[in-house]
PDB file of N, CA and C in Angstrom:
ATOM      1  N   MET A   1      -7.133  15.824  16.732  1.00  0.00           N
ATOM      2  CA  MET A   1      -7.770  17.051  17.171  1.00  0.00           C
ATOM      3  C   MET A   1      -7.884  18.045  16.020  1.00  0.00           C
ATOM      4  N   ALA A   2      -6.851  18.104  15.174  1.00  0.00           N
ATOM      5  CA  ALA A   2      -6.880  19.055  14.056  1.00  0.00           C
ATOM      6  C   ALA A   2      -7.969  18.684  13.057  1.00  0.00           C
ATOM      7  N   LYS A   3      -8.184  17.404  12.849  1.00  0.00           N
ATOM      8  CA  LYS A   3      -9.215  16.972  11.909  1.00  0.00           C
ATOM      9  C   LYS A   3     -10.607  17.342  12.426  1.00  0.00           C
ATOM     10  N   THR A   4     -10.849  17.200  13.700  1.00  0.00           N
ATOM     11  CA  THR A   4     -12.134  17.564  14.284  1.00  0.00           C
ATOM     12  C   THR A   4     -12.386  19.060  14.142  1.00  0.00           C
ATOM     13  N   THR A   5     -11.397  19.859  14.398  1.00  0.00           N
ATOM     14  CA  THR A   5     -11.532  21.312  14.272  1.00  0.00           C
ATOM     15  C   THR A   5     -11.834  21.707  12.837  1.00  0.00           C
ATOM     16  N   SER A   6     -11.134  21.120  11.876  1.00  0.00           N
ATOM     17  CA  SER A   6     -11.355  21.482  10.478  1.00  0.00           C
ATOM     18  C   SER A   6     -12.725  21.034   9.977  1.00  0.00           C
ATOM     19  N   THR A   7     -13.280  19.948  10.506  1.00  0.00           N
ATOM     20  CA  THR A   7     -14.600  19.510  10.070  1.00  0.00           C
ATOM     21  C   THR A   7     -15.707  20.376  10.664  1.00  0.00           C
ATOM     22  N   LEU A   8     -15.429  21.093  11.713  1.00  0.00           N
ATOM     23  CA  LEU A   8     -16.417  21.982  12.313  1.00  0.00           C
ATOM     24  C   LEU A   8     -16.401  23.366  11.694  1.00  0.00           C
ATOM     25  N   VAL A   9     -15.331  23.734  11.055  1.00  0.00           N
ATOM     26  CA  VAL A   9     -15.197  25.080  10.517  1.00  0.00           C
ATOM     27  C   VAL A   9     -16.217  25.355   9.412  1.00  0.00           C
ATOM     28  N   LEU A  10     -16.366  24.457   8.452  1.00  0.00           N
ATOM     29  CA  LEU A  10     -17.301  24.689   7.345  1.00  0.00           C
ATOM     30  C   LEU A  10     -18.754  24.808   7.798  1.00  0.00           C
ATOM     31  N   PRO A  11     -19.259  23.938   8.655  1.00  0.00           N
ATOM     32  CA  PRO A  11     -20.641  24.128   9.112  1.00  0.00           C
ATOM     33  C   PRO A  11     -20.850  25.439   9.861  1.00  0.00           C
ATOM     34  N   ILE A  12     -19.875  25.861  10.637  1.00  0.00           N
ATOM     35  CA  ILE A  12     -19.999  27.120  11.372  1.00  0.00           C
ATOM     36  C   ILE A  12     -20.026  28.294  10.402  1.00  0.00           C
ATOM     37  N   ILE A  13     -19.170  28.282   9.399  1.00  0.00           N
ATOM     38  CA  ILE A  13     -19.157  29.353   8.392  1.00  0.00           C
ATOM     39  C   ILE A  13     -20.492  29.374   7.656  1.00  0.00           C
ATOM     40  N   PHE A  14     -21.010  28.208   7.300  1.00  0.00           N
ATOM     41  CA  PHE A  14     -22.292  28.128   6.608  1.00  0.00           C
ATOM     42  C   PHE A  14     -23.411  28.730   7.459  1.00  0.00           C
ATOM     43  N   LEU A  15     -23.464  28.410   8.737  1.00  0.00           N
ATOM     44  CA  LEU A  15     -24.504  28.931   9.616  1.00  0.00           C
ATOM     45  C   LEU A  15     -24.413  30.447   9.755  1.00  0.00           C
ATOM     46  N   ILE A  16     -23.209  30.978   9.848  1.00  0.00           N
ATOM     47  CA  ILE A  16     -23.023  32.428   9.953  1.00  0.00           C
ATOM     48  C   ILE A  16     -23.490  33.108   8.673  1.00  0.00           C
ATOM     49  N   MET A  17     -23.123  32.554   7.529  1.00  0.00           N
ATOM     50  CA  MET A  17     -23.538  33.142   6.255  1.00  0.00           C
ATOM     51  C   MET A  17     -25.058  33.089   6.109  1.00  0.00           C
ATOM     52  N   PHE A  18     -25.675  31.993   6.496  1.00  0.00           N
ATOM     53  CA  PHE A  18     -27.127  31.860   6.404  1.00  0.00           C
ATOM     54  C   PHE A  18     -27.816  32.901   7.282  1.00  0.00           C
ATOM     55  N   ALA A  19     -27.296  33.119   8.474  1.00  0.00           N
ATOM     56  CA  ALA A  19     -27.889  34.105   9.384  1.00  0.00           C
ATOM     57  C   ALA A  19     -27.777  35.512   8.805  1.00  0.00           C
ATOM     58  N   LEU A  20     -26.654  35.844   8.183  1.00  0.00           N
ATOM     59  CA  LEU A  20     -26.476  37.170   7.598  1.00  0.00           C
ATOM     60  C   LEU A  20     -27.394  37.376   6.402  1.00  0.00           C
ATOM     61  N   VAL A  21     -27.538  36.378   5.561  1.00  0.00           N
ATOM     62  CA  VAL A  21     -28.404  36.489   4.395  1.00  0.00           C
ATOM     63  C   VAL A  21     -29.855  36.619   4.835  1.00  0.00           C
ATOM     64  N   GLU A  22     -30.261  35.860   5.814  1.00  0.00           N
ATOM     65  CA  GLU A  22     -31.640  35.901   6.299  1.00  0.00           C
ATOM     66  C   GLU A  22     -31.992  37.288   6.828  1.00  0.00           C
ATOM     67  N   GLN A  23     -31.055  37.969   7.474  1.00  0.00           N
ATOM     68  CA  GLN A  23     -31.297  39.310   7.994  1.00  0.00           C
ATOM     69  C   GLN A  23     -31.466  40.322   6.879  1.00  0.00           C
ATOM     70  N   ASN A  24     -30.751  40.171   5.785  1.00  0.00           N
ATOM     71  CA  ASN A  24     -30.733  41.173   4.735  1.00  0.00           C
ATOM     72  C   ASN A  24     -31.867  41.029   3.724  1.00  0.00           C
ATOM     73  N   VAL A  25     -32.576  39.921   3.760  1.00  0.00           N
ATOM     74  CA  VAL A  25     -33.664  39.728   2.821  1.00  0.00           C
ATOM     75  C   VAL A  25     -34.862  40.512   3.337  1.00  0.00           C
ATOM     76  N   GLY A  26     -35.449  41.342   2.460  1.00  0.00           N
ATOM     77  CA  GLY A  26     -36.579  42.151   2.878  1.00  0.00           C
ATOM     78  C   GLY A  26     -37.842  41.753   2.163  1.00  0.00           C
ATOM     79  N   CYS A  27     -38.939  42.316   2.608  1.00  0.00           N
ATOM     80  CA  CYS A  27     -40.215  42.122   1.944  1.00  0.00           C
ATOM     81  C   CYS A  27     -40.370  43.185   0.870  1.00  0.00           C
ATOM     82  N   THR A  28     -41.189  42.902  -0.127  1.00  0.00           N
ATOM     83  CA  THR A  28     -41.447  43.872  -1.183  1.00  0.00           C
ATOM     84  C   THR A  28     -42.946  44.069  -1.334  1.00  0.00           C
ATOM     85  N   ALA A  29     -43.317  45.255  -1.808  1.00  0.00           N
ATOM     86  CA  ALA A  29     -44.716  45.558  -2.070  1.00  0.00           C
ATOM     87  C   ALA A  29     -44.794  46.500  -3.258  1.00  0.00           C
ATOM     88  N   SER A  30     -45.802  46.305  -4.071  1.00  0.00           N
ATOM     89  CA  SER A  30     -46.042  47.191  -5.203  1.00  0.00           C
ATOM     90  C   SER A  30     -46.936  48.332  -4.726  1.00  0.00           C
ATOM     91  N   MET A  31     -46.570  49.563  -5.101  1.00  0.00           N
ATOM     92  CA  MET A  31     -47.307  50.741  -4.648  1.00  0.00           C
ATOM     93  C   MET A  31     -48.000  51.463  -5.800  1.00  0.00           C
ATOM     94  N   GLY A  32     -48.232  50.761  -6.897  1.00  0.00           N
ATOM     95  CA  GLY A  32     -48.915  51.374  -8.031  1.00  0.00           C
ATOM     96  C   GLY A  32     -47.931  51.966  -9.022  1.00  0.00           C
ATOM     97  N   PRO A  33     -48.439  52.675 -10.023  1.00  0.00           N
ATOM     98  CA  PRO A  33     -47.556  53.232 -11.053  1.00  0.00           C
ATOM     99  C   PRO A  33     -46.650  54.331 -10.498  1.00  0.00           C
ATOM    100  N   CYS A  34     -45.470  54.460 -11.101  1.00  0.00           N
ATOM    101  CA  CYS A  34     -44.540  55.520 -10.718  1.00  0.00           C
ATOM    102  C   CYS A  34     -45.114  56.865 -11.152  1.00  0.00           C
ATOM    103  N   GLU A  35     -44.993  57.835 -10.278  1.00  0.00           N
ATOM    104  CA  GLU A  35     -45.469  59.176 -10.597  1.00  0.00           C
ATOM    105  C   GLU A  35     -44.295  60.000 -11.109  1.00  0.00           C
ATOM    106  N   ILE A  36     -44.501  60.707 -12.208  1.00  0.00           N
ATOM    107  CA  ILE A  36     -43.439  61.518 -12.809  1.00  0.00           C
ATOM    108  C   ILE A  36     -43.021  62.595 -11.825  1.00  0.00           C
ATOM    109  N   GLY A  37     -41.723  62.688 -11.582  1.00  0.00           N
ATOM    110  CA  GLY A  37     -41.172  63.709 -10.690  1.00  0.00           C
ATOM    111  C   GLY A  37     -41.285  63.390  -9.211  1.00  0.00           C
ATOM    112  N   LYS A  38     -41.822  62.229  -8.856  1.00  0.00           N
ATOM    113  CA  LYS A  38     -41.962  61.857  -7.438  1.00  0.00           C
ATOM    114  C   LYS A  38     -41.091  60.648  -7.150  1.00  0.00           C
ATOM    115  N   SER A  39     -40.596  60.576  -5.930  1.00  0.00           N
ATOM    116  CA  SER A  39     -39.720  59.487  -5.515  1.00  0.00           C
ATOM    117  C   SER A  39     -40.531  58.343  -4.926  1.00  0.00           C
ATOM    118  N   CYS A  40     -40.247  57.151  -5.378  1.00  0.00           N
ATOM    119  CA  CYS A  40     -40.892  55.972  -4.792  1.00  0.00           C
ATOM    120  C   CYS A  40     -40.436  55.770  -3.344  1.00  0.00           C
ATOM    121  N   THR A  41     -39.201  56.139  -3.047  1.00  0.00           N
ATOM    122  CA  THR A  41     -38.681  55.955  -1.693  1.00  0.00           C
ATOM    123  C   THR A  41     -39.495  56.744  -0.689  1.00  0.00           C
ATOM    124  N   THR A  42     -39.870  57.970  -1.023  1.00  0.00           N
ATOM    125  CA  THR A  42     -40.660  58.792  -0.109  1.00  0.00           C
ATOM    126  C   THR A  42     -41.998  58.118   0.183  1.00  0.00           C
ATOM    127  N   LYS A  43     -42.658  57.635  -0.843  1.00  0.00           N
ATOM    128  CA  LYS A  43     -43.944  56.941  -0.679  1.00  0.00           C
ATOM    129  C   LYS A  43     -43.764  55.701   0.189  1.00  0.00           C
ATOM    130  N   CYS A  44     -42.677  54.971  -0.002  1.00  0.00           N
ATOM    131  CA  CYS A  44     -42.422  53.753   0.764  1.00  0.00           C
ATOM    132  C   CYS A  44     -42.154  54.061   2.235  1.00  0.00           C
ATOM    133  N   LYS A  45     -41.360  55.091   2.500  1.00  0.00           N
ATOM    134  CA  LYS A  45     -41.043  55.461   3.890  1.00  0.00           C
ATOM    135  C   LYS A  45     -42.301  55.868   4.645  1.00  0.00           C
ATOM    136  N   VAL A  46     -43.211  56.565   3.988  1.00  0.00           N
ATOM    137  CA  VAL A  46     -44.462  56.957   4.637  1.00  0.00           C
ATOM    138  C   VAL A  46     -45.296  55.722   4.982  1.00  0.00           C
ATOM    139  N   THR A  47     -45.306  54.748   4.094  1.00  0.00           N
ATOM    140  CA  THR A  47     -46.130  53.555   4.284  1.00  0.00           C
ATOM    141  C   THR A  47     -45.496  52.521   5.209  1.00  0.00           C
ATOM    142  N   PHE A  48     -44.177  52.263   5.038  1.00  0.00           N
ATOM    143  CA  PHE A  48     -43.531  51.159   5.746  1.00  0.00           C
ATOM    144  C   PHE A  48     -42.484  51.576   6.772  1.00  0.00           C
ATOM    145  N   GLY A  49     -42.234  52.851   6.938  1.00  0.00           N
ATOM    146  CA  GLY A  49     -41.271  53.318   7.933  1.00  0.00           C
ATOM    147  C   GLY A  49     -39.940  53.730   7.317  1.00  0.00           C
ATOM    148  N   GLN A  50     -39.062  54.255   8.146  1.00  0.00           N
ATOM    149  CA  GLN A  50     -37.798  54.842   7.705  1.00  0.00           C
ATOM    150  C   GLN A  50     -36.805  53.842   7.128  1.00  0.00           C
ATOM    151  N   MET A  51     -36.979  52.572   7.399  1.00  0.00           N
ATOM    152  CA  MET A  51     -36.048  51.564   6.876  1.00  0.00           C
ATOM    153  C   MET A  51     -36.407  51.138   5.453  1.00  0.00           C
ATOM    154  N   ALA A  52     -37.503  51.646   4.919  1.00  0.00           N
ATOM    155  CA  ALA A  52     -37.965  51.245   3.582  1.00  0.00           C
ATOM    156  C   ALA A  52     -37.255  52.044   2.496  1.00  0.00           C
ATOM    157  N   ASN A  53     -37.095  51.435   1.345  1.00  0.00           N
ATOM    158  CA  ASN A  53     -36.558  52.086   0.148  1.00  0.00           C
ATOM    159  C   ASN A  53     -37.456  51.727  -1.023  1.00  0.00           C
ATOM    160  N   GLY A  54     -37.463  52.570  -2.028  1.00  0.00           N
ATOM    161  CA  GLY A  54     -38.298  52.289  -3.182  1.00  0.00           C
ATOM    162  C   GLY A  54     -37.565  52.554  -4.482  1.00  0.00           C
ATOM    163  N   TYR A  55     -38.058  51.949  -5.530  1.00  0.00           N
ATOM    164  CA  TYR A  55     -37.509  52.182  -6.861  1.00  0.00           C
ATOM    165  C   TYR A  55     -38.619  51.995  -7.884  1.00  0.00           C
ATOM    166  N   CYS A  56     -38.419  52.566  -9.042  1.00  0.00           N
ATOM    167  CA  CYS A  56     -39.388  52.459 -10.119  1.00  0.00           C
ATOM    168  C   CYS A  56     -38.936  51.337 -11.049  1.00  0.00           C
ATOM    169  N   ASP A  57     -39.709  50.262 -11.084  1.00  0.00           N
ATOM    170  CA  ASP A  57     -39.407  49.110 -11.929  1.00  0.00           C
ATOM    171  C   ASP A  57     -40.050  49.337 -13.296  1.00  0.00           C
ATOM    172  N   ARG A  58     -39.218  49.604 -14.289  1.00  0.00           N
ATOM    173  CA  ARG A  58     -39.719  49.872 -15.633  1.00  0.00           C
ATOM    174  C   ARG A  58     -39.560  48.670 -16.568  1.00  0.00           C
ATOM    175  N   SER A  59     -39.370  47.502 -15.991  1.00  0.00           N
ATOM    176  CA  SER A  59     -39.160  46.313 -16.819  1.00  0.00           C
ATOM    177  C   SER A  59     -40.417  45.909 -17.592  1.00  0.00           C
ATOM    178  N   THR A  60     -41.571  46.350 -17.150  1.00  0.00           N
ATOM    179  CA  THR A  60     -42.810  46.004 -17.843  1.00  0.00           C
ATOM    180  C   THR A  60     -43.198  47.052 -18.882  1.00  0.00           C
ATOM    181  N   GLY A  61     -42.441  48.133 -18.971  1.00  0.00           N
ATOM    182  CA  GLY A  61     -42.746  49.195 -19.924  1.00  0.00           C
ATOM    183  C   GLY A  61     -43.685  50.230 -19.337  1.00  0.00           C
ATOM    184  N   GLY A  62     -43.974  51.258 -20.098  1.00  0.00           N
ATOM    185  CA  GLY A  62     -44.870  52.306 -19.626  1.00  0.00           C
ATOM    186  C   GLY A  62     -44.249  53.153 -18.528  1.00  0.00           C
ATOM    187  N   LEU A  63     -45.093  53.636 -17.625  1.00  0.00           N
ATOM    188  CA  LEU A  63     -44.627  54.483 -16.522  1.00  0.00           C
ATOM    189  C   LEU A  63     -43.770  53.715 -15.530  1.00  0.00           C
ATOM    190  N   GLY A  64     -44.008  52.453 -15.408  1.00  0.00           N
ATOM    191  CA  GLY A  64     -43.284  51.633 -14.444  1.00  0.00           C
ATOM    192  C   GLY A  64     -44.097  51.446 -13.182  1.00  0.00           C
ATOM    193  N   GLU A  65     -43.644  50.538 -12.351  1.00  0.00           N
ATOM    194  CA  GLU A  65     -44.325  50.190 -11.106  1.00  0.00           C
ATOM    195  C   GLU A  65     -43.439  50.576  -9.930  1.00  0.00           C
ATOM    196  N   CYS A  66     -44.002  51.303  -8.971  1.00  0.00           N
ATOM    197  CA  CYS A  66     -43.266  51.707  -7.775  1.00  0.00           C
ATOM    198  C   CYS A  66     -43.195  50.493  -6.833  1.00  0.00           C
ATOM    199  N   VAL A  67     -41.975  50.054  -6.512  1.00  0.00           N
ATOM    200  CA  VAL A  67     -41.772  48.881  -5.675  1.00  0.00           C
ATOM    201  C   VAL A  67     -41.055  49.297  -4.400  1.00  0.00           C
ATOM    202  N   CYS A  68     -41.587  48.849  -3.257  1.00  0.00           N
ATOM    203  CA  CYS A  68     -40.980  49.134  -1.955  1.00  0.00           C
ATOM    204  C   CYS A  68     -40.272  47.890  -1.434  1.00  0.00           C
ATOM    205  N   VAL A  69     -39.118  48.101  -0.826  1.00  0.00           N
ATOM    206  CA  VAL A  69     -38.388  47.043  -0.137  1.00  0.00           C
ATOM    207  C   VAL A  69     -38.262  47.496   1.314  1.00  0.00           C
ATOM    208  N   TYR A  70     -38.723  46.661   2.235  1.00  0.00           N
ATOM    209  CA  TYR A  70     -38.737  47.030   3.642  1.00  0.00           C
ATOM    210  C   TYR A  70     -38.469  45.799   4.498  1.00  0.00           C
ATOM    211  N   PRO A  71     -38.040  46.002   5.759  1.00  0.00           N
ATOM    212  CA  PRO A  71     -37.793  44.843   6.626  1.00  0.00           C
ATOM    213  C   PRO A  71     -39.094  44.083   6.885  1.00  0.00           C
ATOM    214  N   CYS A  72     -39.029  42.778   6.763  1.00  0.00           N
ATOM    215  CA  CYS A  72     -40.208  41.960   7.008  1.00  0.00           C
ATOM    216  C   CYS A  72     -40.562  41.998   8.482  1.00  0.00           C
ATOM    217  N   PRO A  73     -41.861  42.023   8.784  1.00  0.00           N
ATOM    218  CA  PRO A  73     -42.250  41.954  10.192  1.00  0.00           C
ATOM    219  C   PRO A  73     -41.926  40.569  10.742  1.00  0.00           C
ATOM    220  N   PRO A  74     -41.657  40.487  12.035  1.00  0.00           N
ATOM    221  CA  PRO A  74     -41.362  39.175  12.605  1.00  0.00           C
ATOM    222  C   PRO A  74     -42.577  38.270  12.498  1.00  0.00           C
ATOM    223  N   PRO A  75     -42.349  36.980  12.324  1.00  0.00           N
ATOM    224  CA  PRO A  75     -43.481  36.058  12.212  1.00  0.00           C
ATOM    225  C   PRO A  75     -44.272  36.021  13.513  1.00  0.00           C
ATOM    226  N   LYS A  76     -45.572  35.847  13.391  1.00  0.00           N
ATOM    227  CA  LYS A  76     -46.416  35.752  14.580  1.00  0.00           C
ATOM    228  C   LYS A  76     -46.268  34.350  15.185  1.00  0.00           C
ATOM    229  N   THR A  77     -46.125  34.311  16.490  1.00  0.00           N
ATOM    230  CA  THR A  77     -45.996  33.023  17.153  1.00  0.00           C
ATOM    231  C   THR A  77     -47.341  32.672  17.774  1.00  0.00           C
ATOM    232  N   HIS A  78     -47.744  31.443  17.589  1.00  0.00           N
ATOM    233  CA  HIS A  78     -49.007  30.964  18.151  1.00  0.00           C
ATOM    234  C   HIS A  78     -48.693  30.112  19.372  1.00  0.00           C
ATOM    235  N   LEU A  79     -49.387  30.392  20.441  1.00  0.00           N
ATOM    236  CA  LEU A  79     -49.142  29.612  21.668  1.00  0.00           C
ATOM    237  C   LEU A  79     -50.103  28.475  21.785  1.00  0.00           C
TER     238      LEU A  79
END
């Protein structure tokens, strides 16, 4: 009985971790160049709702690109 219980523990932990990671992954969208003195988060919240956050990605150089992270919409189901 103990061996059966221990073999079920790892798959259950894996499934729980997968479910938590899947919930936390968001969609991203580029909102154009970053504006000096303006927050990307404000622009993102107006476009994608209150759960959205934004940041200025300056990895490409220049002014940078305003990137929004927001909850992905649920997939459409086809009947």
